[in-house]
Amino acid sequence: MSLKPRRKPRRPLTRTERWALDGVGGALLATGAVGAFVPGMPTTVFWIGAVLCFLKTRPHAVRPMLRVPVVGPAIVWFLRWRPFGGGRKQRR
């Protein structure tokens, strides 16, 4: 009987790492918000980056971003994408 080796628990983020991720996430969120009003500037790409930063530091802040009707489904699709730990393909 072989058991899969368990993953090591992740080390908690330091205060500096948390602040850095919060700062980068906030900057990406603000840039994406500007992109919602400026023609030709993408919004989704910046908000995906912000979600990836905020998932590490503030997971409760991600839910309102996923509820935005235009950008939210694209972010959810990206997070479910297989290289980022998405589930198995569903059988039809």
PDB file of N, CA and C in Angstrom:
ATOM      1  N   MET A   1       0.849  -1.172   0.000  1.00  0.00           N
ATOM      2  CA  MET A   1       0.000   0.000   0.000  1.00  0.00           C
ATOM      3  C   MET A   1       0.895   1.236   0.000  1.00  0.00           C
ATOM      4  N   SER A   2       0.836   1.973  -1.070  1.00  0.00           N
ATOM      5  CA  SER A   2       1.668   3.175  -1.142  1.00  0.00           C
ATOM      6  C   SER A   2       0.786   4.411  -1.001  1.00  0.00           C
ATOM      7  N   LEU A   3       1.221   5.285  -0.206  1.00  0.00           N
ATOM      8  CA  LEU A   3       0.513   6.543  -0.011  1.00  0.00           C
ATOM      9  C   LEU A   3       1.275   7.649  -0.712  1.00  0.00           C
ATOM     10  N   LYS A   4       0.528   8.574  -1.261  1.00  0.00           N
ATOM     11  CA  LYS A   4       1.177   9.718  -1.896  1.00  0.00           C
ATOM     12  C   LYS A   4       1.830  10.574  -0.815  1.00  0.00           C
ATOM     13  N   PRO A   5       3.029  11.041  -1.066  1.00  0.00           N
ATOM     14  CA  PRO A   5       3.648  11.920  -0.063  1.00  0.00           C
ATOM     15  C   PRO A   5       2.864  13.224   0.053  1.00  0.00           C
ATOM     16  N   ARG A   6       2.687  13.656   1.266  1.00  0.00           N
ATOM     17  CA  ARG A   6       1.960  14.912   1.487  1.00  0.00           C
ATOM     18  C   ARG A   6       2.844  16.094   1.148  1.00  0.00           C
ATOM     19  N   ARG A   7       2.192  17.151   0.697  1.00  0.00           N
ATOM     20  CA  ARG A   7       2.928  18.383   0.423  1.00  0.00           C
ATOM     21  C   ARG A   7       3.352  19.023   1.730  1.00  0.00           C
ATOM     22  N   LYS A   8       4.470  19.690   1.660  1.00  0.00           N
ATOM     23  CA  LYS A   8       4.881  20.474   2.822  1.00  0.00           C
ATOM     24  C   LYS A   8       3.949  21.672   2.949  1.00  0.00           C
ATOM     25  N   PRO A   9       3.586  22.041   4.162  1.00  0.00           N
ATOM     26  CA  PRO A   9       2.762  23.243   4.290  1.00  0.00           C
ATOM     27  C   PRO A   9       3.549  24.473   3.842  1.00  0.00           C
ATOM     28  N   ARG A  10       2.824  25.388   3.211  1.00  0.00           N
ATOM     29  CA  ARG A  10       3.490  26.603   2.740  1.00  0.00           C
ATOM     30  C   ARG A  10       3.891  27.468   3.915  1.00  0.00           C
ATOM     31  N   ARG A  11       4.993  28.118   3.735  1.00  0.00           N
ATOM     32  CA  ARG A  11       5.467  29.026   4.770  1.00  0.00           C
ATOM     33  C   ARG A  11       4.617  30.284   4.721  1.00  0.00           C
ATOM     34  N   PRO A  12       4.259  30.819   5.884  1.00  0.00           N
ATOM     35  CA  PRO A  12       3.456  32.049   5.881  1.00  0.00           C
ATOM     36  C   PRO A  12       4.245  33.220   5.296  1.00  0.00           C
ATOM     37  N   LEU A  13       3.521  34.125   4.685  1.00  0.00           N
ATOM     38  CA  LEU A  13       4.160  35.294   4.085  1.00  0.00           C
ATOM     39  C   LEU A  13       4.662  36.242   5.167  1.00  0.00           C
ATOM     40  N   THR A  14       5.784  36.856   4.892  1.00  0.00           N
ATOM     41  CA  THR A  14       6.293  37.868   5.812  1.00  0.00           C
ATOM     42  C   THR A  14       5.506  39.163   5.601  1.00  0.00           C
ATOM     43  N   ARG A  15       5.672  40.083   6.513  1.00  0.00           N
ATOM     44  CA  ARG A  15       4.970  41.355   6.398  1.00  0.00           C
ATOM     45  C   ARG A  15       5.374  42.099   5.124  1.00  0.00           C
ATOM     46  N   THR A  16       6.655  42.043   4.775  1.00  0.00           N
ATOM     47  CA  THR A  16       7.136  42.715   3.567  1.00  0.00           C
ATOM     48  C   THR A  16       6.533  42.087   2.317  1.00  0.00           C
ATOM     49  N   GLU A  17       6.480  40.762   2.284  1.00  0.00           N
ATOM     50  CA  GLU A  17       5.887  40.081   1.124  1.00  0.00           C
ATOM     51  C   GLU A  17       4.404  40.413   1.003  1.00  0.00           C
ATOM     52  N   ARG A  18       3.716  40.462   2.132  1.00  0.00           N
ATOM     53  CA  ARG A  18       2.295  40.805   2.123  1.00  0.00           C
ATOM     54  C   ARG A  18       2.066  42.224   1.593  1.00  0.00           C
ATOM     55  N   TRP A  19       2.865  43.150   2.078  1.00  0.00           N
ATOM     56  CA  TRP A  19       2.734  44.537   1.614  1.00  0.00           C
ATOM     57  C   TRP A  19       3.053  44.651   0.133  1.00  0.00           C
ATOM     58  N   ALA A  20       4.084  43.940  -0.317  1.00  0.00           N
ATOM     59  CA  ALA A  20       4.461  43.986  -1.733  1.00  0.00           C
ATOM     60  C   ALA A  20       3.338  43.428  -2.610  1.00  0.00           C
ATOM     61  N   LEU A  21       2.771  42.289  -2.205  1.00  0.00           N
ATOM     62  CA  LEU A  21       1.675  41.718  -2.991  1.00  0.00           C
ATOM     63  C   LEU A  21       0.437  42.608  -2.960  1.00  0.00           C
ATOM     64  N   ASP A  22       0.151  43.208  -1.810  1.00  0.00           N
ATOM     65  CA  ASP A  22      -0.970  44.140  -1.736  1.00  0.00           C
ATOM     66  C   ASP A  22      -0.742  45.359  -2.626  1.00  0.00           C
ATOM     67  N   GLY A  23       0.464  45.881  -2.636  1.00  0.00           N
ATOM     68  CA  GLY A  23       0.774  47.044  -3.471  1.00  0.00           C
ATOM     69  C   GLY A  23       0.674  46.736  -4.954  1.00  0.00           C
ATOM     70  N   VAL A  24       1.236  45.600  -5.356  1.00  0.00           N
ATOM     71  CA  VAL A  24       1.161  45.211  -6.771  1.00  0.00           C
ATOM     72  C   VAL A  24      -0.284  44.929  -7.158  1.00  0.00           C
ATOM     73  N   GLY A  25      -1.018  44.229  -6.289  1.00  0.00           N
ATOM     74  CA  GLY A  25      -2.431  43.946  -6.570  1.00  0.00           C
ATOM     75  C   GLY A  25      -3.261  45.214  -6.674  1.00  0.00           C
ATOM     76  N   GLY A  26      -3.025  46.166  -5.784  1.00  0.00           N
ATOM     77  CA  GLY A  26      -3.750  47.442  -5.842  1.00  0.00           C
ATOM     78  C   GLY A  26      -3.432  48.229  -7.099  1.00  0.00           C
ATOM     79  N   ALA A  27      -2.155  48.234  -7.484  1.00  0.00           N
ATOM     80  CA  ALA A  27      -1.771  48.940  -8.709  1.00  0.00           C
ATOM     81  C   ALA A  27      -2.404  48.283  -9.936  1.00  0.00           C
ATOM     82  N   LEU A  28      -2.421  46.947  -9.976  1.00  0.00           N
ATOM     83  CA  LEU A  28      -3.038  46.253 -11.106  1.00  0.00           C
ATOM     84  C   LEU A  28      -4.548  46.477 -11.140  1.00  0.00           C
ATOM     85  N   LEU A  29      -5.177  46.506  -9.974  1.00  0.00           N
ATOM     86  CA  LEU A  29      -6.614  46.762  -9.919  1.00  0.00           C
ATOM     87  C   LEU A  29      -6.936  48.168 -10.410  1.00  0.00           C
ATOM     88  N   ALA A  30      -6.148  49.149  -9.988  1.00  0.00           N
ATOM     89  CA  ALA A  30      -6.374  50.532 -10.423  1.00  0.00           C
ATOM     90  C   ALA A  30      -6.135  50.687 -11.920  1.00  0.00           C
ATOM     91  N   THR A  31      -5.095  50.035 -12.438  1.00  0.00           N
ATOM     92  CA  THR A  31      -4.813  50.114 -13.867  1.00  0.00           C
ATOM     93  C   THR A  31      -5.939  49.471 -14.666  1.00  0.00           C
ATOM     94  N   GLY A  32      -6.463  48.346 -14.172  1.00  0.00           N
ATOM     95  CA  GLY A  32      -7.590  47.703 -14.842  1.00  0.00           C
ATOM     96  C   GLY A  32      -8.840  48.560 -14.805  1.00  0.00           C
ATOM     97  N   ALA A  33      -9.047  49.281 -13.693  1.00  0.00           N
ATOM     98  CA  ALA A  33     -10.211  50.163 -13.598  1.00  0.00           C
ATOM     99  C   ALA A  33     -10.101  51.309 -14.602  1.00  0.00           C
ATOM    100  N   VAL A  34      -8.907  51.823 -14.784  1.00  0.00           N
ATOM    101  CA  VAL A  34      -8.706  52.864 -15.801  1.00  0.00           C
ATOM    102  C   VAL A  34      -8.965  52.275 -17.181  1.00  0.00           C
ATOM    103  N   GLY A  35      -8.540  51.022 -17.386  1.00  0.00           N
ATOM    104  CA  GLY A  35      -8.746  50.361 -18.673  1.00  0.00           C
ATOM    105  C   GLY A  35     -10.208  50.139 -19.003  1.00  0.00           C
ATOM    106  N   ALA A  36     -11.079  50.149 -17.990  1.00  0.00           N
ATOM    107  CA  ALA A  36     -12.507  49.994 -18.253  1.00  0.00           C
ATOM    108  C   ALA A  36     -13.086  51.225 -18.947  1.00  0.00           C
ATOM    109  N   PHE A  37     -12.420  52.362 -18.802  1.00  0.00           N
ATOM    110  CA  PHE A  37     -12.941  53.598 -19.383  1.00  0.00           C
ATOM    111  C   PHE A  37     -12.134  54.100 -20.570  1.00  0.00           C
ATOM    112  N   VAL A  38     -10.895  53.670 -20.707  1.00  0.00           N
ATOM    113  CA  VAL A  38     -10.037  54.119 -21.810  1.00  0.00           C
ATOM    114  C   VAL A  38     -10.132  53.104 -22.941  1.00  0.00           C
ATOM    115  N   PRO A  39     -10.566  53.529 -24.115  1.00  0.00           N
ATOM    116  CA  PRO A  39     -10.685  52.588 -25.226  1.00  0.00           C
ATOM    117  C   PRO A  39      -9.312  52.045 -25.652  1.00  0.00           C
ATOM    118  N   GLY A  40      -9.272  50.762 -25.929  1.00  0.00           N
ATOM    119  CA  GLY A  40      -8.040  50.137 -26.396  1.00  0.00           C
ATOM    120  C   GLY A  40      -7.128  49.639 -25.292  1.00  0.00           C
ATOM    121  N   MET A  41      -7.454  49.931 -24.040  1.00  0.00           N
ATOM    122  CA  MET A  41      -6.624  49.472 -22.926  1.00  0.00           C
ATOM    123  C   MET A  41      -7.324  48.285 -22.259  1.00  0.00           C
ATOM    124  N   PRO A  42      -6.620  47.170 -22.078  1.00  0.00           N
ATOM    125  CA  PRO A  42      -7.292  45.993 -21.525  1.00  0.00           C
ATOM    126  C   PRO A  42      -7.597  46.134 -20.033  1.00  0.00           C
ATOM    127  N   THR A  43      -8.657  45.485 -19.620  1.00  0.00           N
ATOM    128  CA  THR A  43      -9.031  45.462 -18.212  1.00  0.00           C
ATOM    129  C   THR A  43      -8.779  44.089 -17.612  1.00  0.00           C
ATOM    130  N   THR A  44      -9.180  43.065 -18.339  1.00  0.00           N
ATOM    131  CA  THR A  44      -9.155  41.706 -17.807  1.00  0.00           C
ATOM    132  C   THR A  44      -7.763  41.268 -17.408  1.00  0.00           C
ATOM    133  N   VAL A  45      -6.774  41.568 -18.209  1.00  0.00           N
ATOM    134  CA  VAL A  45      -5.405  41.130 -17.936  1.00  0.00           C
ATOM    135  C   VAL A  45      -4.910  41.696 -16.610  1.00  0.00           C
ATOM    136  N   PHE A  46      -5.178  42.943 -16.372  1.00  0.00           N
ATOM    137  CA  PHE A  46      -4.724  43.572 -15.133  1.00  0.00           C
ATOM    138  C   PHE A  46      -5.485  43.025 -13.931  1.00  0.00           C
ATOM    139  N   TRP A  47      -6.782  42.775 -14.104  1.00  0.00           N
ATOM    140  CA  TRP A  47      -7.564  42.255 -12.985  1.00  0.00           C
ATOM    141  C   TRP A  47      -7.221  40.805 -12.676  1.00  0.00           C
ATOM    142  N   ILE A  48      -6.821  40.031 -13.674  1.00  0.00           N
ATOM    143  CA  ILE A  48      -6.362  38.666 -13.409  1.00  0.00           C
ATOM    144  C   ILE A  48      -5.107  38.716 -12.542  1.00  0.00           C
ATOM    145  N   GLY A  49      -4.185  39.612 -12.869  1.00  0.00           N
ATOM    146  CA  GLY A  49      -2.982  39.774 -12.051  1.00  0.00           C
ATOM    147  C   GLY A  49      -3.309  40.213 -10.637  1.00  0.00           C
ATOM    148  N   ALA A  50      -4.281  41.116 -10.498  1.00  0.00           N
ATOM    149  CA  ALA A  50      -4.680  41.571  -9.164  1.00  0.00           C
ATOM    150  C   ALA A  50      -5.299  40.422  -8.362  1.00  0.00           C
ATOM    151  N   VAL A  51      -6.110  39.601  -9.015  1.00  0.00           N
ATOM    152  CA  VAL A  51      -6.722  38.468  -8.323  1.00  0.00           C
ATOM    153  C   VAL A  51      -5.652  37.495  -7.857  1.00  0.00           C
ATOM    154  N   LEU A  52      -4.662  37.240  -8.687  1.00  0.00           N
ATOM    155  CA  LEU A  52      -3.587  36.330  -8.296  1.00  0.00           C
ATOM    156  C   LEU A  52      -2.808  36.876  -7.098  1.00  0.00           C
ATOM    157  N   CYS A  53      -2.605  38.182  -7.042  1.00  0.00           N
ATOM    158  CA  CYS A  53      -1.934  38.778  -5.880  1.00  0.00           C
ATOM    159  C   CYS A  53      -2.819  38.721  -4.634  1.00  0.00           C
ATOM    160  N   PHE A  54      -4.087  39.063  -4.792  1.00  0.00           N
ATOM    161  CA  PHE A  54      -4.988  39.123  -3.649  1.00  0.00           C
ATOM    162  C   PHE A  54      -5.368  37.744  -3.123  1.00  0.00           C
ATOM    163  N   LEU A  55      -5.284  36.697  -3.946  1.00  0.00           N
ATOM    164  CA  LEU A  55      -5.584  35.360  -3.446  1.00  0.00           C
ATOM    165  C   LEU A  55      -4.598  34.945  -2.367  1.00  0.00           C
ATOM    166  N   LYS A  56      -3.389  35.461  -2.423  1.00  0.00           N
ATOM    167  CA  LYS A  56      -2.382  35.134  -1.410  1.00  0.00           C
ATOM    168  C   LYS A  56      -2.570  35.944  -0.128  1.00  0.00           C
ATOM    169  N   THR A  57      -2.982  37.201  -0.262  1.00  0.00           N
ATOM    170  CA  THR A  57      -3.014  38.077   0.904  1.00  0.00           C
ATOM    171  C   THR A  57      -4.426  38.349   1.425  1.00  0.00           C
ATOM    172  N   ARG A  58      -5.369  38.581   0.542  1.00  0.00           N
ATOM    173  CA  ARG A  58      -6.725  38.950   0.944  1.00  0.00           C
ATOM    174  C   ARG A  58      -7.755  38.198   0.111  1.00  0.00           C
ATOM    175  N   PRO A  59      -7.988  36.918   0.411  1.00  0.00           N
ATOM    176  CA  PRO A  59      -8.939  36.161  -0.404  1.00  0.00           C
ATOM    177  C   PRO A  59     -10.361  36.715  -0.351  1.00  0.00           C
ATOM    178  N   HIS A  60     -10.729  37.399   0.732  1.00  0.00           N
ATOM    179  CA  HIS A  60     -12.076  37.964   0.821  1.00  0.00           C
ATOM    180  C   HIS A  60     -12.283  39.119  -0.151  1.00  0.00           C
ATOM    181  N   ALA A  61     -11.213  39.727  -0.642  1.00  0.00           N
ATOM    182  CA  ALA A  61     -11.331  40.840  -1.582  1.00  0.00           C
ATOM    183  C   ALA A  61     -11.521  40.377  -3.015  1.00  0.00           C
ATOM    184  N   VAL A  62     -11.393  39.085  -3.256  1.00  0.00           N
ATOM    185  CA  VAL A  62     -11.480  38.567  -4.624  1.00  0.00           C
ATOM    186  C   VAL A  62     -12.933  38.405  -5.060  1.00  0.00           C
ATOM    187  N   ARG A  63     -13.801  38.018  -4.157  1.00  0.00           N
ATOM    188  CA  ARG A  63     -15.192  37.728  -4.520  1.00  0.00           C
ATOM    189  C   ARG A  63     -15.894  38.888  -5.222  1.00  0.00           C
ATOM    190  N   PRO A  64     -15.780  40.137  -4.764  1.00  0.00           N
ATOM    191  CA  PRO A  64     -16.446  41.224  -5.509  1.00  0.00           C
ATOM    192  C   PRO A  64     -15.899  41.400  -6.928  1.00  0.00           C
ATOM    193  N   MET A  65     -14.623  41.106  -7.126  1.00  0.00           N
ATOM    194  CA  MET A  65     -14.059  41.230  -8.471  1.00  0.00           C
ATOM    195  C   MET A  65     -14.621  40.154  -9.395  1.00  0.00           C
ATOM    196  N   LEU A  66     -14.915  38.987  -8.845  1.00  0.00           N
ATOM    197  CA  LEU A  66     -15.453  37.899  -9.662  1.00  0.00           C
ATOM    198  C   LEU A  66     -16.916  38.106  -9.998  1.00  0.00           C
ATOM    199  N   ARG A  67     -17.583  39.009  -9.302  1.00  0.00           N
ATOM    200  CA  ARG A  67     -19.003  39.278  -9.558  1.00  0.00           C
ATOM    201  C   ARG A  67     -19.232  40.330 -10.634  1.00  0.00           C
ATOM    202  N   VAL A  68     -18.189  40.968 -11.126  1.00  0.00           N
ATOM    203  CA  VAL A  68     -18.349  41.953 -12.196  1.00  0.00           C
ATOM    204  C   VAL A  68     -18.803  41.200 -13.441  1.00  0.00           C
ATOM    205  N   PRO A  69     -19.929  41.585 -14.046  1.00  0.00           N
ATOM    206  CA  PRO A  69     -20.503  40.767 -15.114  1.00  0.00           C
ATOM    207  C   PRO A  69     -19.625  40.611 -16.360  1.00  0.00           C
ATOM    208  N   VAL A  70     -18.873  41.595 -16.719  1.00  0.00           N
ATOM    209  CA  VAL A  70     -18.101  41.522 -17.964  1.00  0.00           C
ATOM    210  C   VAL A  70     -16.765  40.819 -17.745  1.00  0.00           C
ATOM    211  N   VAL A  71     -16.071  41.157 -16.693  1.00  0.00           N
ATOM    212  CA  VAL A  71     -14.713  40.663 -16.467  1.00  0.00           C
ATOM    213  C   VAL A  71     -14.698  39.409 -15.591  1.00  0.00           C
ATOM    214  N   GLY A  72     -15.650  39.260 -14.706  1.00  0.00           N
ATOM    215  CA  GLY A  72     -15.674  38.157 -13.756  1.00  0.00           C
ATOM    216  C   GLY A  72     -15.596  36.769 -14.384  1.00  0.00           C
ATOM    217  N   PRO A  73     -16.430  36.460 -15.387  1.00  0.00           N
ATOM    218  CA  PRO A  73     -16.350  35.125 -15.993  1.00  0.00           C
ATOM    219  C   PRO A  73     -14.998  34.826 -16.636  1.00  0.00           C
ATOM    220  N   ALA A  74     -14.352  35.815 -17.200  1.00  0.00           N
ATOM    221  CA  ALA A  74     -13.028  35.595 -17.795  1.00  0.00           C
ATOM    222  C   ALA A  74     -11.993  35.278 -16.718  1.00  0.00           C
ATOM    223  N   ILE A  75     -12.097  35.930 -15.576  1.00  0.00           N
ATOM    224  CA  ILE A  75     -11.166  35.659 -14.478  1.00  0.00           C
ATOM    225  C   ILE A  75     -11.400  34.255 -13.931  1.00  0.00           C
ATOM    226  N   VAL A  76     -12.672  33.878 -13.768  1.00  0.00           N
ATOM    227  CA  VAL A  76     -12.987  32.535 -13.271  1.00  0.00           C
ATOM    228  C   VAL A  76     -12.470  31.488 -14.246  1.00  0.00           C
ATOM    229  N   TRP A  77     -12.652  31.705 -15.541  1.00  0.00           N
ATOM    230  CA  TRP A  77     -12.150  30.765 -16.539  1.00  0.00           C
ATOM    231  C   TRP A  77     -10.635  30.621 -16.418  1.00  0.00           C
ATOM    232  N   PHE A  78      -9.945  31.728 -16.245  1.00  0.00           N
ATOM    233  CA  PHE A  78      -8.491  31.676 -16.140  1.00  0.00           C
ATOM    234  C   PHE A  78      -8.054  30.908 -14.897  1.00  0.00           C
ATOM    235  N   LEU A  79      -8.738  31.125 -13.775  1.00  0.00           N
ATOM    236  CA  LEU A  79      -8.360  30.441 -12.541  1.00  0.00           C
ATOM    237  C   LEU A  79      -8.655  28.945 -12.604  1.00  0.00           C
ATOM    238  N   ARG A  80      -9.625  28.546 -13.389  1.00  0.00           N
ATOM    239  CA  ARG A  80      -9.944  27.125 -13.542  1.00  0.00           C
ATOM    240  C   ARG A  80      -9.103  26.445 -14.610  1.00  0.00           C
ATOM    241  N   TRP A  81      -8.285  27.199 -15.284  1.00  0.00           N
ATOM    242  CA  TRP A  81      -7.433  26.664 -16.341  1.00  0.00           C
ATOM    243  C   TRP A  81      -6.483  25.648 -15.736  1.00  0.00           C
ATOM    244  N   ARG A  82      -6.216  24.599 -16.424  1.00  0.00           N
ATOM    245  CA  ARG A  82      -5.495  23.449 -15.869  1.00  0.00           C
ATOM    246  C   ARG A  82      -4.115  23.758 -15.276  1.00  0.00           C
ATOM    247  N   PRO A  83      -3.249  24.549 -15.890  1.00  0.00           N
ATOM    248  CA  PRO A  83      -1.934  24.785 -15.285  1.00  0.00           C
ATOM    249  C   PRO A  83      -1.986  25.445 -13.906  1.00  0.00           C
ATOM    250  N   PHE A  84      -3.104  26.083 -13.565  1.00  0.00           N
ATOM    251  CA  PHE A  84      -3.202  26.750 -12.274  1.00  0.00           C
ATOM    252  C   PHE A  84      -4.016  25.951 -11.276  1.00  0.00           C
ATOM    253  N   GLY A  85      -4.076  24.636 -11.461  1.00  0.00           N
ATOM    254  CA  GLY A  85      -4.732  23.782 -10.482  1.00  0.00           C
ATOM    255  C   GLY A  85      -6.210  23.601 -10.714  1.00  0.00           C
ATOM    256  N   GLY A  86      -6.693  23.891 -11.913  1.00  0.00           N
ATOM    257  CA  GLY A  86      -8.106  23.678 -12.201  1.00  0.00           C
ATOM    258  C   GLY A  86      -8.448  22.211 -12.171  1.00  0.00           C
ATOM    259  N   GLY A  87      -9.712  21.935 -12.032  1.00  0.00           N
ATOM    260  CA  GLY A  87     -10.172  20.550 -11.928  1.00  0.00           C
ATOM    261  C   GLY A  87      -9.999  19.795 -13.236  1.00  0.00           C
ATOM    262  N   ARG A  88     -10.307  18.523 -13.164  1.00  0.00           N
ATOM    263  CA  ARG A  88     -10.224  17.678 -14.348  1.00  0.00           C
ATOM    264  C   ARG A  88     -11.291  18.092 -15.344  1.00  0.00           C
ATOM    265  N   LYS A  89     -11.084  17.706 -16.585  1.00  0.00           N
ATOM    266  CA  LYS A  89     -12.073  18.009 -17.605  1.00  0.00           C
ATOM    267  C   LYS A  89     -13.342  17.204 -17.306  1.00  0.00           C
ATOM    268  N   GLN A  90     -14.464  17.838 -17.511  1.00  0.00           N
ATOM    269  CA  GLN A  90     -15.724  17.166 -17.250  1.00  0.00           C
ATOM    270  C   GLN A  90     -16.090  16.311 -18.444  1.00  0.00           C
ATOM    271  N   ARG A  91     -16.664  15.150 -18.168  1.00  0.00           N
ATOM    272  CA  ARG A  91     -17.147  14.276 -19.245  1.00  0.00           C
ATOM    273  C   ARG A  91     -18.497  14.764 -19.705  1.00  0.00           C
ATOM    274  N   ARG A  92     -18.731  14.644 -20.977  1.00  0.00           N
ATOM    275  CA  ARG A  92     -20.032  15.083 -21.518  1.00  0.00           C
ATOM    276  C   ARG A  92     -20.889  13.907 -21.821  1.00  0.00           C
TER     277      ARG A  92
END
